[in-house]
Amino acid sequence: MGCGRRMCVRGWGLLLAGCGLLVAVTSVGAATISDMLGRTVVVPDRPLRLVSLAPSLTETVYALGRGDWLVGVTEFCDYPPEARSKPRVGGIAAPSLERIVSLAPDLALTTAEGNSRNTMEQLERLGIATFALKPDSYAGVIGSIESLGRVLGAERAAWRVVREIQERVRTVRTAVADRPRPRVLYLIWADPLIAAGAASYINDLLGLAGGQNVVKERTVPYPRLDWEQVIGRAPEIILVADHRADAGRAASAAAVTPREWRGWQAVPAIRSGRVVPIPGDTVLRPGPRVGEGLARLAQAIHREPGERQESR
């Protein structure tokens, strides 16, 4: 073609030319699979060139033994360490379409919560298939891993990952079965106050860990709260996501909470010193490490006041 540059995307035969020509052709070896939004997606023959648009998906791809298929990830994809060397396509909410197209992917992996429908539609218009996962509950996390296993031809690996998670969940549930169920507020952000609501998968994890989520509304997964609402809900424990790069190490509550919190002594958790930082990556990423995140939640909820939180 003399009108511009040619770029071939495996499986889709995507042609982009300087004159604006765009052609998408379905591969002979393609398979048709439904994603978790109920959309029919044509997945090219494997192996695939993958772009992951969420850290949890990147972790899952590696856990399924398909990390070498990844040709692009978001700037937040930092686990496992090998993911840090992959080309970056920008953020989660608004990734760079230009960078994604330049990587010539066969398939872009997205999440219903983290990635916008607009991003998926734009990629589809560019001839790049998108496969959406919906880990909006504990069952949804398991379903996402199983769905990715089917897409990547790694069903056996997915079964092993799911079994490991389920075994850890059973262990935690047994350990907390006879313990009191305190009222818990999980904050994914401390300033402003943004909490995990009843419509989030974290709500399920709090229940499995032996706690009661004080945020009952299901209008949005992660509502923004004010201090009057927190006082009214009277949490006995406040868990705060630690987003720092070194969050794998134990942190003090002072490291992740504003100093002004000390003025809210009407909140039981603050009055008793039950404000506990939790490494955010293991809880906020609904992927293969969700069992580890659950164990951290259970430890934080049921440890005695003043007892040190283990870092691992």
C-alpha atoms as a PDB file:
ATOM      1  CA  MET A   1       0.000   0.000   0.000  1.00  0.00           C
ATOM      2  CA  GLY A   2       1.558   3.259  -1.137  1.00  0.00           C
ATOM      3  CA  CYS A   3      -0.634   5.672   0.840  1.00  0.00           C
ATOM      4  CA  GLY A   4       1.023   5.195   4.206  1.00  0.00           C
ATOM      5  CA  ARG A   5       2.345   2.912   6.936  1.00  0.00           C
ATOM      6  CA  ARG A   6       1.163  -0.696   7.318  1.00  0.00           C
ATOM      7  CA  MET A   7       0.773  -2.421  10.663  1.00  0.00           C
ATOM      8  CA  CYS A   8      -0.546  -5.961  10.909  1.00  0.00           C
ATOM      9  CA  VAL A   9      -2.286  -7.109  14.079  1.00  0.00           C
ATOM     10  CA  ARG A  10      -2.210 -10.890  14.384  1.00  0.00           C
ATOM     11  CA  GLY A  11      -5.620 -12.535  14.126  1.00  0.00           C
ATOM     12  CA  TRP A  12      -7.444  -9.359  13.133  1.00  0.00           C
ATOM     13  CA  GLY A  13      -5.274  -8.313  10.197  1.00  0.00           C
ATOM     14  CA  LEU A  14      -5.570  -4.667  11.277  1.00  0.00           C
ATOM     15  CA  LEU A  15      -4.274  -2.272   8.624  1.00  0.00           C
ATOM     16  CA  LEU A  16      -3.618   1.355   9.542  1.00  0.00           C
ATOM     17  CA  ALA A  17      -2.450   3.649   6.779  1.00  0.00           C
ATOM     18  CA  GLY A  18      -1.506   7.287   6.755  1.00  0.00           C
ATOM     19  CA  CYS A  19      -4.461   7.984   4.458  1.00  0.00           C
ATOM     20  CA  GLY A  20      -6.869   6.853   7.182  1.00  0.00           C
ATOM     21  CA  LEU A  21      -7.750   3.383   5.847  1.00  0.00           C
ATOM     22  CA  LEU A  22      -8.861   0.886   8.516  1.00  0.00           C
ATOM     23  CA  VAL A  23      -9.677  -2.755   7.756  1.00  0.00           C
ATOM     24  CA  ALA A  24     -10.448  -5.565  10.251  1.00  0.00           C
ATOM     25  CA  VAL A  25     -10.503  -9.184   9.103  1.00  0.00           C
ATOM     26  CA  THR A  26     -11.390 -12.101  11.378  1.00  0.00           C
ATOM     27  CA  SER A  27      -8.772 -14.812  11.620  1.00  0.00           C
ATOM     28  CA  VAL A  28      -9.592 -18.268  10.305  1.00  0.00           C
ATOM     29  CA  GLY A  29      -8.577 -19.822  13.645  1.00  0.00           C
ATOM     30  CA  ALA A  30     -10.605 -17.420  15.793  1.00  0.00           C
ATOM     31  CA  ALA A  31     -12.906 -18.576  18.610  1.00  0.00           C
ATOM     32  CA  THR A  32     -16.111 -16.925  19.789  1.00  0.00           C
ATOM     33  CA  ILE A  33     -16.327 -16.463  23.582  1.00  0.00           C
ATOM     34  CA  SER A  34     -18.755 -14.470  25.757  1.00  0.00           C
ATOM     35  CA  ASP A  35     -17.184 -12.024  28.186  1.00  0.00           C
ATOM     36  CA  MET A  36     -18.596 -11.090  31.605  1.00  0.00           C
ATOM     37  CA  LEU A  37     -20.654  -8.252  30.149  1.00  0.00           C
ATOM     38  CA  GLY A  38     -22.493 -10.786  27.979  1.00  0.00           C
ATOM     39  CA  ARG A  39     -20.801  -9.578  24.801  1.00  0.00           C
ATOM     40  CA  THR A  40     -19.738 -12.005  22.098  1.00  0.00           C
ATOM     41  CA  VAL A  41     -16.016 -11.558  21.481  1.00  0.00           C
ATOM     42  CA  VAL A  42     -14.067 -13.049  18.603  1.00  0.00           C
ATOM     43  CA  VAL A  43     -10.741 -14.150  20.085  1.00  0.00           C
ATOM     44  CA  PRO A  44      -7.958 -14.818  17.539  1.00  0.00           C
ATOM     45  CA  ASP A  45      -6.045 -18.047  17.460  1.00  0.00           C
ATOM     46  CA  ARG A  46      -3.425 -18.373  20.208  1.00  0.00           C
ATOM     47  CA  PRO A  47      -0.789 -17.324  21.170  1.00  0.00           C
ATOM     48  CA  LEU A  48      -2.120 -13.803  21.587  1.00  0.00           C
ATOM     49  CA  ARG A  49      -0.651 -10.323  21.814  1.00  0.00           C
ATOM     50  CA  LEU A  50      -2.350  -8.948  24.928  1.00  0.00           C
ATOM     51  CA  VAL A  51      -2.759  -5.490  26.417  1.00  0.00           C
ATOM     52  CA  SER A  52      -3.932  -5.454  30.045  1.00  0.00           C
ATOM     53  CA  LEU A  53      -5.799  -2.364  31.237  1.00  0.00           C
ATOM     54  CA  ALA A  54      -5.873  -3.206  34.958  1.00  0.00           C
ATOM     55  CA  PRO A  55      -3.263  -4.400  37.488  1.00  0.00           C
ATOM     56  CA  SER A  56      -5.505  -7.271  38.624  1.00  0.00           C
ATOM     57  CA  LEU A  57      -5.727  -8.576  35.052  1.00  0.00           C
ATOM     58  CA  THR A  58      -1.966  -8.312  34.607  1.00  0.00           C
ATOM     59  CA  GLU A  59      -1.444 -10.348  37.787  1.00  0.00           C
ATOM     60  CA  THR A  60      -3.953 -12.938  36.596  1.00  0.00           C
ATOM     61  CA  VAL A  61      -2.322 -13.294  33.184  1.00  0.00           C
ATOM     62  CA  TYR A  62       1.019 -13.977  34.881  1.00  0.00           C
ATOM     63  CA  ALA A  63      -0.576 -16.394  37.363  1.00  0.00           C
ATOM     64  CA  LEU A  64      -1.986 -18.335  34.413  1.00  0.00           C
ATOM     65  CA  GLY A  65       1.471 -18.645  32.858  1.00  0.00           C
ATOM     66  CA  ARG A  66       0.796 -16.260  29.978  1.00  0.00           C
ATOM     67  CA  GLY A  67       2.940 -13.294  31.004  1.00  0.00           C
ATOM     68  CA  ASP A  68       5.016 -13.593  27.845  1.00  0.00           C
ATOM     69  CA  TRP A  69       1.873 -12.819  25.821  1.00  0.00           C
ATOM     70  CA  LEU A  70       1.581  -9.350  27.355  1.00  0.00           C
ATOM     71  CA  VAL A  71       2.798  -6.590  25.055  1.00  0.00           C
ATOM     72  CA  GLY A  72       1.402  -3.679  27.086  1.00  0.00           C
ATOM     73  CA  VAL A  73       0.169  -2.851  30.609  1.00  0.00           C
ATOM     74  CA  THR A  74      -0.938   0.210  32.574  1.00  0.00           C
ATOM     75  CA  GLU A  75       1.434   2.415  34.538  1.00  0.00           C
ATOM     76  CA  PHE A  76       0.027   0.874  37.745  1.00  0.00           C
ATOM     77  CA  CYS A  77       0.861  -2.728  36.815  1.00  0.00           C
ATOM     78  CA  ASP A  78       3.800  -3.512  39.107  1.00  0.00           C
ATOM     79  CA  TYR A  79       3.233  -7.122  40.153  1.00  0.00           C
ATOM     80  CA  PRO A  80       4.789  -9.536  39.589  1.00  0.00           C
ATOM     81  CA  PRO A  81       8.082  -7.610  39.197  1.00  0.00           C
ATOM     82  CA  GLU A  82       8.404  -8.793  35.579  1.00  0.00           C
ATOM     83  CA  ALA A  83       5.372  -6.682  34.691  1.00  0.00           C
ATOM     84  CA  ARG A  84       7.351  -3.505  35.335  1.00  0.00           C
ATOM     85  CA  SER A  85       9.425  -4.085  32.207  1.00  0.00           C
ATOM     86  CA  LYS A  86       6.404  -4.232  29.891  1.00  0.00           C
ATOM     87  CA  PRO A  87       5.556  -1.236  27.664  1.00  0.00           C
ATOM     88  CA  ARG A  88       3.173   1.217  29.370  1.00  0.00           C
ATOM     89  CA  VAL A  89      -0.101   2.411  27.837  1.00  0.00           C
ATOM     90  CA  GLY A  90      -1.024   5.029  30.447  1.00  0.00           C
ATOM     91  CA  GLY A  91      -3.619   4.957  33.209  1.00  0.00           C
ATOM     92  CA  ILE A  92      -6.619   2.745  33.867  1.00  0.00           C
ATOM     93  CA  ALA A  93      -9.480   5.198  33.345  1.00  0.00           C
ATOM     94  CA  ALA A  94      -8.044   6.864  30.232  1.00  0.00           C
ATOM     95  CA  PRO A  95      -5.241   4.841  28.624  1.00  0.00           C
ATOM     96  CA  SER A  96      -3.496   6.090  25.502  1.00  0.00           C
ATOM     97  CA  LEU A  97      -5.258   4.647  22.467  1.00  0.00           C
ATOM     98  CA  GLU A  98      -2.300   5.640  20.304  1.00  0.00           C
ATOM     99  CA  ARG A  99       0.092   3.607  22.447  1.00  0.00           C
ATOM    100  CA  ILE A 100      -2.250   0.630  22.481  1.00  0.00           C
ATOM    101  CA  VAL A 101      -2.626   0.643  18.698  1.00  0.00           C
ATOM    102  CA  SER A 102       1.141   0.988  18.245  1.00  0.00           C
ATOM    103  CA  LEU A 103       1.618  -2.300  20.127  1.00  0.00           C
ATOM    104  CA  ALA A 104      -0.532  -4.163  17.579  1.00  0.00           C
ATOM    105  CA  PRO A 105      -2.475  -6.245  20.133  1.00  0.00           C
ATOM    106  CA  ASP A 106      -4.873  -9.031  19.290  1.00  0.00           C
ATOM    107  CA  LEU A 107      -6.904  -8.464  22.420  1.00  0.00           C
ATOM    108  CA  ALA A 108      -7.294  -5.823  25.139  1.00  0.00           C
ATOM    109  CA  LEU A 109      -8.310  -7.079  28.598  1.00  0.00           C
ATOM    110  CA  THR A 110     -10.573  -4.721  30.559  1.00  0.00           C
ATOM    111  CA  THR A 111     -12.625  -4.596  33.761  1.00  0.00           C
ATOM    112  CA  ALA A 112     -16.212  -3.369  33.977  1.00  0.00           C
ATOM    113  CA  GLU A 113     -15.462  -1.195  37.015  1.00  0.00           C
ATOM    114  CA  GLY A 114     -12.032   0.204  36.219  1.00  0.00           C
ATOM    115  CA  ASN A 115     -12.268   0.781  32.466  1.00  0.00           C
ATOM    116  CA  SER A 116     -14.954   2.878  30.808  1.00  0.00           C
ATOM    117  CA  ARG A 117     -17.332   1.597  28.159  1.00  0.00           C
ATOM    118  CA  ASN A 118     -16.128   4.505  26.036  1.00  0.00           C
ATOM    119  CA  THR A 119     -12.570   3.137  26.078  1.00  0.00           C
ATOM    120  CA  MET A 120     -13.797  -0.308  25.019  1.00  0.00           C
ATOM    121  CA  GLU A 121     -15.941   1.170  22.235  1.00  0.00           C
ATOM    122  CA  GLN A 122     -13.052   3.270  20.931  1.00  0.00           C
ATOM    123  CA  LEU A 123     -10.780   0.234  20.837  1.00  0.00           C
ATOM    124  CA  GLU A 124     -13.425  -1.787  19.042  1.00  0.00           C
ATOM    125  CA  ARG A 125     -13.788   0.976  16.437  1.00  0.00           C
ATOM    126  CA  LEU A 126     -10.041   0.743  15.893  1.00  0.00           C
ATOM    127  CA  GLY A 127     -10.416  -2.967  15.196  1.00  0.00           C
ATOM    128  CA  ILE A 128      -8.976  -4.134  18.533  1.00  0.00           C
ATOM    129  CA  ALA A 129     -11.125  -6.733  20.286  1.00  0.00           C
ATOM    130  CA  THR A 130     -11.796  -6.175  24.003  1.00  0.00           C
ATOM    131  CA  PHE A 131     -12.635  -8.821  26.566  1.00  0.00           C
ATOM    132  CA  ALA A 132     -14.296  -7.490  29.725  1.00  0.00           C
ATOM    133  CA  LEU A 133     -14.178  -9.069  33.183  1.00  0.00           C
ATOM    134  CA  LYS A 134     -16.502  -8.147  36.041  1.00  0.00           C
ATOM    135  CA  PRO A 135     -14.941  -8.940  39.439  1.00  0.00           C
ATOM    136  CA  ASP A 136     -17.599  -7.048  41.413  1.00  0.00           C
ATOM    137  CA  SER A 137     -18.048  -9.776  44.051  1.00  0.00           C
ATOM    138  CA  TYR A 138     -16.054 -12.672  45.462  1.00  0.00           C
ATOM    139  CA  ALA A 139     -17.833 -14.950  42.983  1.00  0.00           C
ATOM    140  CA  GLY A 140     -17.008 -12.430  40.256  1.00  0.00           C
ATOM    141  CA  VAL A 141     -13.306 -12.590  41.110  1.00  0.00           C
ATOM    142  CA  ILE A 142     -13.377 -16.363  40.776  1.00  0.00           C
ATOM    143  CA  GLY A 143     -15.393 -16.094  37.568  1.00  0.00           C
ATOM    144  CA  SER A 144     -12.910 -13.598  36.115  1.00  0.00           C
ATOM    145  CA  ILE A 145      -9.986 -15.949  36.658  1.00  0.00           C
ATOM    146  CA  GLU A 146     -11.904 -18.823  35.098  1.00  0.00           C
ATOM    147  CA  SER A 147     -12.972 -16.671  32.125  1.00  0.00           C
ATOM    148  CA  LEU A 148      -9.412 -15.552  31.473  1.00  0.00           C
ATOM    149  CA  GLY A 149      -8.330 -19.167  31.666  1.00  0.00           C
ATOM    150  CA  ARG A 150     -10.728 -20.005  28.828  1.00  0.00           C
ATOM    151  CA  VAL A 151      -9.649 -17.032  26.712  1.00  0.00           C
ATOM    152  CA  LEU A 152      -5.944 -17.762  27.158  1.00  0.00           C
ATOM    153  CA  GLY A 153      -6.209 -21.517  26.760  1.00  0.00           C
ATOM    154  CA  ALA A 154      -5.040 -21.943  30.362  1.00  0.00           C
ATOM    155  CA  GLU A 155      -8.025 -23.659  31.962  1.00  0.00           C
ATOM    156  CA  ARG A 156      -5.909 -26.018  34.061  1.00  0.00           C
ATOM    157  CA  ALA A 157      -3.788 -23.181  35.451  1.00  0.00           C
ATOM    158  CA  ALA A 158      -6.950 -21.206  36.224  1.00  0.00           C
ATOM    159  CA  TRP A 159      -8.347 -24.186  38.108  1.00  0.00           C
ATOM    160  CA  ARG A 160      -5.185 -24.350  40.232  1.00  0.00           C
ATOM    161  CA  VAL A 161      -5.298 -20.619  41.030  1.00  0.00           C
ATOM    162  CA  VAL A 162      -8.988 -20.802  41.952  1.00  0.00           C
ATOM    163  CA  ARG A 163      -8.433 -23.859  44.133  1.00  0.00           C
ATOM    164  CA  GLU A 164      -5.634 -22.097  46.041  1.00  0.00           C
ATOM    165  CA  ILE A 165      -7.885 -19.080  46.661  1.00  0.00           C
ATOM    166  CA  GLN A 166     -10.791 -21.244  47.793  1.00  0.00           C
ATOM    167  CA  GLU A 167      -8.583 -23.227  50.177  1.00  0.00           C
ATOM    168  CA  ARG A 168      -7.335 -20.015  51.755  1.00  0.00           C
ATOM    169  CA  VAL A 169     -10.895 -18.730  52.056  1.00  0.00           C
ATOM    170  CA  ARG A 170     -11.939 -21.932  53.817  1.00  0.00           C
ATOM    171  CA  THR A 171      -9.008 -21.589  56.218  1.00  0.00           C
ATOM    172  CA  VAL A 172      -9.929 -18.004  57.085  1.00  0.00           C
ATOM    173  CA  ARG A 173     -13.639 -18.753  57.484  1.00  0.00           C
ATOM    174  CA  THR A 174     -12.866 -21.624  59.833  1.00  0.00           C
ATOM    175  CA  ALA A 175     -10.531 -19.435  61.898  1.00  0.00           C
ATOM    176  CA  VAL A 176     -13.104 -16.645  62.379  1.00  0.00           C
ATOM    177  CA  ALA A 177     -16.245 -18.774  62.608  1.00  0.00           C
ATOM    178  CA  ASP A 178     -16.666 -18.474  66.395  1.00  0.00           C
ATOM    179  CA  ARG A 179     -15.392 -14.924  66.806  1.00  0.00           C
ATOM    180  CA  PRO A 180     -17.449 -11.752  67.246  1.00  0.00           C
ATOM    181  CA  ARG A 181     -18.258  -9.858  64.041  1.00  0.00           C
ATOM    182  CA  PRO A 182     -17.228  -6.234  64.656  1.00  0.00           C
ATOM    183  CA  ARG A 183     -18.502  -3.288  62.632  1.00  0.00           C
ATOM    184  CA  VAL A 184     -15.873  -2.400  60.030  1.00  0.00           C
ATOM    185  CA  LEU A 185     -15.286   0.576  57.754  1.00  0.00           C
ATOM    186  CA  TYR A 186     -12.874  -0.078  54.894  1.00  0.00           C
ATOM    187  CA  LEU A 187     -11.494   3.106  53.336  1.00  0.00           C
ATOM    188  CA  ILE A 188      -9.864   2.874  49.942  1.00  0.00           C
ATOM    189  CA  TRP A 189      -8.924   6.523  50.400  1.00  0.00           C
ATOM    190  CA  ALA A 190      -8.517   8.555  53.602  1.00  0.00           C
ATOM    191  CA  ASP A 191      -8.709  12.129  52.299  1.00  0.00           C
ATOM    192  CA  PRO A 192     -11.394  12.435  51.037  1.00  0.00           C
ATOM    193  CA  LEU A 193     -13.146   9.532  52.738  1.00  0.00           C
ATOM    194  CA  ILE A 194     -13.982   6.939  50.070  1.00  0.00           C
ATOM    195  CA  ALA A 195     -15.274   3.628  51.373  1.00  0.00           C
ATOM    196  CA  ALA A 196     -15.969   0.143  50.097  1.00  0.00           C
ATOM    197  CA  GLY A 197     -19.739  -0.170  49.874  1.00  0.00           C
ATOM    198  CA  ALA A 198     -22.107  -3.118  49.863  1.00  0.00           C
ATOM    199  CA  ALA A 199     -21.975  -3.321  46.052  1.00  0.00           C
ATOM    200  CA  SER A 200     -18.218  -3.971  46.012  1.00  0.00           C
ATOM    201  CA  TYR A 201     -16.334  -7.254  46.124  1.00  0.00           C
ATOM    202  CA  ILE A 202     -14.537  -5.894  49.210  1.00  0.00           C
ATOM    203  CA  ASN A 203     -17.878  -6.095  51.020  1.00  0.00           C
ATOM    204  CA  ASP A 204     -17.815  -9.854  50.405  1.00  0.00           C
ATOM    205  CA  LEU A 205     -14.231 -10.081  51.655  1.00  0.00           C
ATOM    206  CA  LEU A 206     -15.096  -8.238  54.864  1.00  0.00           C
ATOM    207  CA  GLY A 207     -17.889 -10.725  55.510  1.00  0.00           C
ATOM    208  CA  LEU A 208     -15.641 -13.706  54.797  1.00  0.00           C
ATOM    209  CA  ALA A 209     -13.028 -12.215  57.138  1.00  0.00           C
ATOM    210  CA  GLY A 210     -15.526 -12.099  59.989  1.00  0.00           C
ATOM    211  CA  GLY A 211     -16.541  -8.451  59.928  1.00  0.00           C
ATOM    212  CA  GLN A 212     -19.687  -6.423  59.218  1.00  0.00           C
ATOM    213  CA  ASN A 213     -19.391  -3.663  56.654  1.00  0.00           C
ATOM    214  CA  VAL A 214     -20.976  -0.482  58.065  1.00  0.00           C
ATOM    215  CA  VAL A 215     -21.613   0.861  54.538  1.00  0.00           C
ATOM    216  CA  LYS A 216     -24.874  -0.812  53.516  1.00  0.00           C
ATOM    217  CA  GLU A 217     -25.887   1.282  50.507  1.00  0.00           C
ATOM    218  CA  ARG A 218     -25.684  -0.343  47.071  1.00  0.00           C
ATOM    219  CA  THR A 219     -26.065   2.770  44.949  1.00  0.00           C
ATOM    220  CA  VAL A 220     -22.350   2.846  44.040  1.00  0.00           C
ATOM    221  CA  PRO A 221     -19.548   0.400  44.866  1.00  0.00           C
ATOM    222  CA  TYR A 222     -17.294   3.016  46.490  1.00  0.00           C
ATOM    223  CA  PRO A 223     -19.261   5.919  48.030  1.00  0.00           C
ATOM    224  CA  ARG A 224     -17.745   9.105  49.377  1.00  0.00           C
ATOM    225  CA  LEU A 225     -18.554   9.747  53.055  1.00  0.00           C
ATOM    226  CA  ASP A 226     -18.397  12.664  55.466  1.00  0.00           C
ATOM    227  CA  TRP A 227     -17.514  12.449  59.159  1.00  0.00           C
ATOM    228  CA  GLU A 228     -21.122  12.808  60.296  1.00  0.00           C
ATOM    229  CA  GLN A 229     -21.947   9.645  58.348  1.00  0.00           C
ATOM    230  CA  VAL A 230     -18.974   7.834  59.871  1.00  0.00           C
ATOM    231  CA  ILE A 231     -20.082   8.828  63.384  1.00  0.00           C
ATOM    232  CA  GLY A 232     -23.587   7.590  62.662  1.00  0.00           C
ATOM    233  CA  ARG A 233     -22.312   4.202  61.502  1.00  0.00           C
ATOM    234  CA  ALA A 234     -20.073   3.833  64.566  1.00  0.00           C
ATOM    235  CA  PRO A 235     -17.382   1.528  63.131  1.00  0.00           C
ATOM    236  CA  GLU A 236     -15.447  -0.422  65.748  1.00  0.00           C
ATOM    237  CA  ILE A 237     -12.556  -0.887  63.313  1.00  0.00           C
ATOM    238  CA  ILE A 238     -11.393   1.322  60.453  1.00  0.00           C
ATOM    239  CA  LEU A 239      -9.198  -0.337  57.848  1.00  0.00           C
ATOM    240  CA  VAL A 240      -7.281   2.057  55.608  1.00  0.00           C
ATOM    241  CA  ALA A 241      -5.743   1.032  52.280  1.00  0.00           C
ATOM    242  CA  ASP A 242      -2.030   1.818  52.223  1.00  0.00           C
ATOM    243  CA  HIS A 243      -1.185   2.864  48.655  1.00  0.00           C
ATOM    244  CA  ARG A 244       2.513   3.487  49.240  1.00  0.00           C
ATOM    245  CA  ALA A 245       5.064   1.692  47.087  1.00  0.00           C
ATOM    246  CA  ASP A 246       6.483  -0.021  50.188  1.00  0.00           C
ATOM    247  CA  ALA A 247       3.067  -1.059  51.490  1.00  0.00           C
ATOM    248  CA  GLY A 248       4.255  -4.654  51.718  1.00  0.00           C
ATOM    249  CA  ARG A 249       5.907  -3.673  54.991  1.00  0.00           C
ATOM    250  CA  ALA A 250       3.986  -3.005  58.168  1.00  0.00           C
ATOM    251  CA  ALA A 251       2.870   0.616  58.522  1.00  0.00           C
ATOM    252  CA  SER A 252       1.568   2.671  61.397  1.00  0.00           C
ATOM    253  CA  ALA A 253      -1.885   4.203  61.272  1.00  0.00           C
ATOM    254  CA  ALA A 254      -0.239   7.643  61.405  1.00  0.00           C
ATOM    255  CA  ALA A 255       1.463   6.907  58.089  1.00  0.00           C
ATOM    256  CA  VAL A 256      -1.807   6.586  56.175  1.00  0.00           C
ATOM    257  CA  THR A 257      -4.321   8.742  58.087  1.00  0.00           C
ATOM    258  CA  PRO A 258      -4.517  12.524  58.458  1.00  0.00           C
ATOM    259  CA  ARG A 259      -3.628  14.003  61.863  1.00  0.00           C
ATOM    260  CA  GLU A 260      -7.068  15.671  62.101  1.00  0.00           C
ATOM    261  CA  TRP A 261      -8.666  12.262  62.650  1.00  0.00           C
ATOM    262  CA  ARG A 262      -7.720  12.395  66.313  1.00  0.00           C
ATOM    263  CA  GLY A 263     -10.443  15.003  66.817  1.00  0.00           C
ATOM    264  CA  TRP A 264     -13.193  12.499  65.980  1.00  0.00           C
ATOM    265  CA  GLN A 265     -13.240  10.675  69.308  1.00  0.00           C
ATOM    266  CA  ALA A 266     -16.957  10.000  68.891  1.00  0.00           C
ATOM    267  CA  VAL A 267     -15.989   7.231  66.445  1.00  0.00           C
ATOM    268  CA  PRO A 268     -15.394   3.995  68.417  1.00  0.00           C
ATOM    269  CA  ALA A 269     -12.524   2.862  66.176  1.00  0.00           C
ATOM    270  CA  ILE A 270     -10.630   6.128  66.673  1.00  0.00           C
ATOM    271  CA  ARG A 271     -11.362   6.283  70.389  1.00  0.00           C
ATOM    272  CA  SER A 272      -9.988   2.756  70.905  1.00  0.00           C
ATOM    273  CA  GLY A 273      -7.081   3.077  68.470  1.00  0.00           C
ATOM    274  CA  ARG A 274      -8.460   0.486  66.066  1.00  0.00           C
ATOM    275  CA  VAL A 275      -7.391   2.268  62.872  1.00  0.00           C
ATOM    276  CA  VAL A 276      -5.376  -0.268  60.897  1.00  0.00           C
ATOM    277  CA  PRO A 277      -3.458   0.211  57.618  1.00  0.00           C
ATOM    278  CA  ILE A 278      -3.718  -2.611  55.086  1.00  0.00           C
ATOM    279  CA  PRO A 279      -1.433  -2.944  52.039  1.00  0.00           C
ATOM    280  CA  GLY A 280      -3.771  -1.869  49.262  1.00  0.00           C
ATOM    281  CA  ASP A 281      -2.481  -4.033  46.441  1.00  0.00           C
ATOM    282  CA  THR A 282      -3.586  -7.373  47.906  1.00  0.00           C
ATOM    283  CA  VAL A 283      -7.136  -6.194  48.696  1.00  0.00           C
ATOM    284  CA  LEU A 284      -7.839  -3.626  45.984  1.00  0.00           C
ATOM    285  CA  ARG A 285      -6.769  -5.911  43.144  1.00  0.00           C
ATOM    286  CA  PRO A 286      -9.439  -8.575  42.548  1.00  0.00           C
ATOM    287  CA  GLY A 287      -7.093 -11.209  41.200  1.00  0.00           C
ATOM    288  CA  PRO A 288      -4.999 -14.217  42.235  1.00  0.00           C
ATOM    289  CA  ARG A 289      -3.773 -12.600  45.497  1.00  0.00           C
ATOM    290  CA  VAL A 290      -7.289 -12.061  46.839  1.00  0.00           C
ATOM    291  CA  GLY A 291      -6.797 -14.944  49.284  1.00  0.00           C
ATOM    292  CA  GLU A 292      -3.753 -13.182  50.713  1.00  0.00           C
ATOM    293  CA  GLY A 293      -5.778  -9.982  50.995  1.00  0.00           C
ATOM    294  CA  LEU A 294      -8.552 -11.825  52.817  1.00  0.00           C
ATOM    295  CA  ALA A 295      -6.070 -13.224  55.347  1.00  0.00           C
ATOM    296  CA  ARG A 296      -4.744  -9.702  55.987  1.00  0.00           C
ATOM    297  CA  LEU A 297      -8.280  -8.410  56.526  1.00  0.00           C
ATOM    298  CA  ALA A 298      -9.085 -11.206  58.976  1.00  0.00           C
ATOM    299  CA  GLN A 299      -5.895 -10.577  60.936  1.00  0.00           C
ATOM    300  CA  ALA A 300      -6.596  -6.848  61.131  1.00  0.00           C
ATOM    301  CA  ILE A 301     -10.232  -7.318  62.155  1.00  0.00           C
ATOM    302  CA  HIS A 302      -9.591  -9.882  64.871  1.00  0.00           C
ATOM    303  CA  ARG A 303      -6.260  -8.894  66.353  1.00  0.00           C
ATOM    304  CA  GLU A 304      -6.255  -7.395  69.815  1.00  0.00           C
ATOM    305  CA  PRO A 305      -5.823  -3.616  70.219  1.00  0.00           C
ATOM    306  CA  GLY A 306      -2.115  -2.794  70.325  1.00  0.00           C
ATOM    307  CA  GLU A 307      -1.117  -6.120  68.747  1.00  0.00           C
ATOM    308  CA  ARG A 308       1.282  -5.672  65.822  1.00  0.00           C
ATOM    309  CA  GLN A 309      -0.027  -6.313  62.331  1.00  0.00           C
ATOM    310  CA  GLU A 310       2.156  -8.801  60.465  1.00  0.00           C
ATOM    311  CA  SER A 311       3.679  -7.463  57.246  1.00  0.00           C
ATOM    312  CA  ARG A 312       3.329 -10.721  55.365  1.00  0.00           C
END
